[in-house]
Structures are given as structure tokens and as C-alpha cells.
């Protein structure tokens, strides 16, 4: 049961970061800031655009807990 909840939490966080605007447009501001700091075709920006790829990055801290 804990594993299922962790998977759903990672997916929800990844979707919020890569697609949704969030409360007070926090996530869209973060994406815009990150886009300005990084090149458009940087590999890390490509990870930020895809929820599944973002979930891979976010899953690392969840794996330790």
C-alpha cells in the first residue's frame, strides 16, 4: 500500500511541475524561470516538459524514504 501511495505522489508532483499552473501560478513561474536560465534545447528542459521524465527525477528522493 505504501508503494502505491508513493507512486501516486510522485506522479502527481511530476504532473504539477510539468503541466499544471498550480496555486498562484507557482509551477508555471518555476517553468518560465527554469526555461530562461537553461537553453531551450537543453536536456534538462526536455525532462521538465514530460511528466513521465519529470517523475524519474522526482522519484529519486522518494526512493530513499
Protein backbone atom coordinates (compact mmCIF):
# COMPACT_ATOMS: atom_id res chain seq x y z
CA UNK A 1 0.00 0.00 0.00
CA UNK A 2 2.85 2.39 0.81
CA UNK A 3 4.43 1.75 -2.56
CA UNK A 4 1.21 2.59 -4.39
CA UNK A 5 0.85 5.84 -2.45
CA UNK A 6 4.47 6.78 -3.19
CA UNK A 7 3.96 6.10 -6.91
CA UNK A 8 0.82 8.23 -6.98
CA UNK A 9 2.52 11.03 -5.05
CA UNK A 10 5.47 11.08 -7.46
CA UNK A 11 3.16 11.10 -10.47
CA UNK A 12 1.06 13.93 -9.01
CA UNK A 13 4.13 16.06 -8.22
CA UNK A 14 5.59 15.44 -11.67
CA UNK A 15 2.34 16.38 -13.37
CA UNK A 16 2.05 19.55 -11.31
CA UNK A 17 5.60 20.62 -12.18
CA UNK A 18 5.49 19.83 -15.88
CA UNK A 19 1.88 20.60 -16.92
CA UNK A 20 -0.27 22.42 -14.36
CA UNK A 21 -0.12 26.07 -13.32
CA UNK A 22 -0.54 25.44 -9.63
CA UNK A 23 -1.80 27.77 -6.93
CA UNK A 24 -0.84 31.37 -7.63
CA UNK A 25 0.81 30.05 -10.82
CA UNK A 26 3.80 28.79 -8.83
CA UNK A 27 4.65 25.94 -11.18
CA UNK A 28 4.25 27.96 -14.35
CA UNK A 29 6.53 30.66 -12.89
CA UNK A 30 9.07 27.98 -11.99
CA UNK A 31 8.96 26.56 -15.52
CA UNK A 32 9.36 30.03 -17.03
CA UNK A 33 12.28 30.83 -14.72
CA UNK A 34 13.90 27.48 -15.49
CA UNK A 35 13.34 28.00 -19.21
CA UNK A 36 15.07 31.39 -19.06
CA UNK A 37 18.04 30.00 -17.12
CA UNK A 38 18.50 26.98 -19.36
CA UNK A 39 18.79 26.76 -23.10
CA UNK A 40 15.63 25.77 -24.94
CA UNK A 41 17.16 22.55 -26.22
CA UNK A 42 18.97 21.60 -23.05
CA UNK A 43 18.40 18.01 -21.96
CA UNK A 44 17.09 19.08 -18.55
CA UNK A 45 14.42 21.29 -20.13
CA UNK A 46 13.23 18.33 -22.18
CA UNK A 47 12.81 16.43 -18.91
CA UNK A 48 10.73 19.29 -17.49
CA UNK A 49 8.27 19.19 -20.38
CA UNK A 50 7.39 15.50 -20.00
CA UNK A 51 5.53 14.30 -16.85
CA UNK A 52 6.96 10.80 -17.12
CA UNK A 53 10.52 12.11 -17.40
CA UNK A 54 9.99 14.53 -14.53
CA UNK A 55 8.70 11.63 -12.45
CA UNK A 56 12.03 9.86 -12.92
CA UNK A 57 13.85 12.82 -11.41
CA UNK A 58 11.38 13.26 -8.56
CA UNK A 59 11.33 9.54 -7.72
CA UNK A 60 14.94 9.53 -6.52
CA UNK A 61 14.26 11.28 -3.16
CA UNK A 62 11.08 9.21 -2.70
CA UNK A 63 13.11 6.03 -3.13
CA UNK A 64 15.25 6.88 -0.11
CA UNK A 65 12.21 7.37 2.11
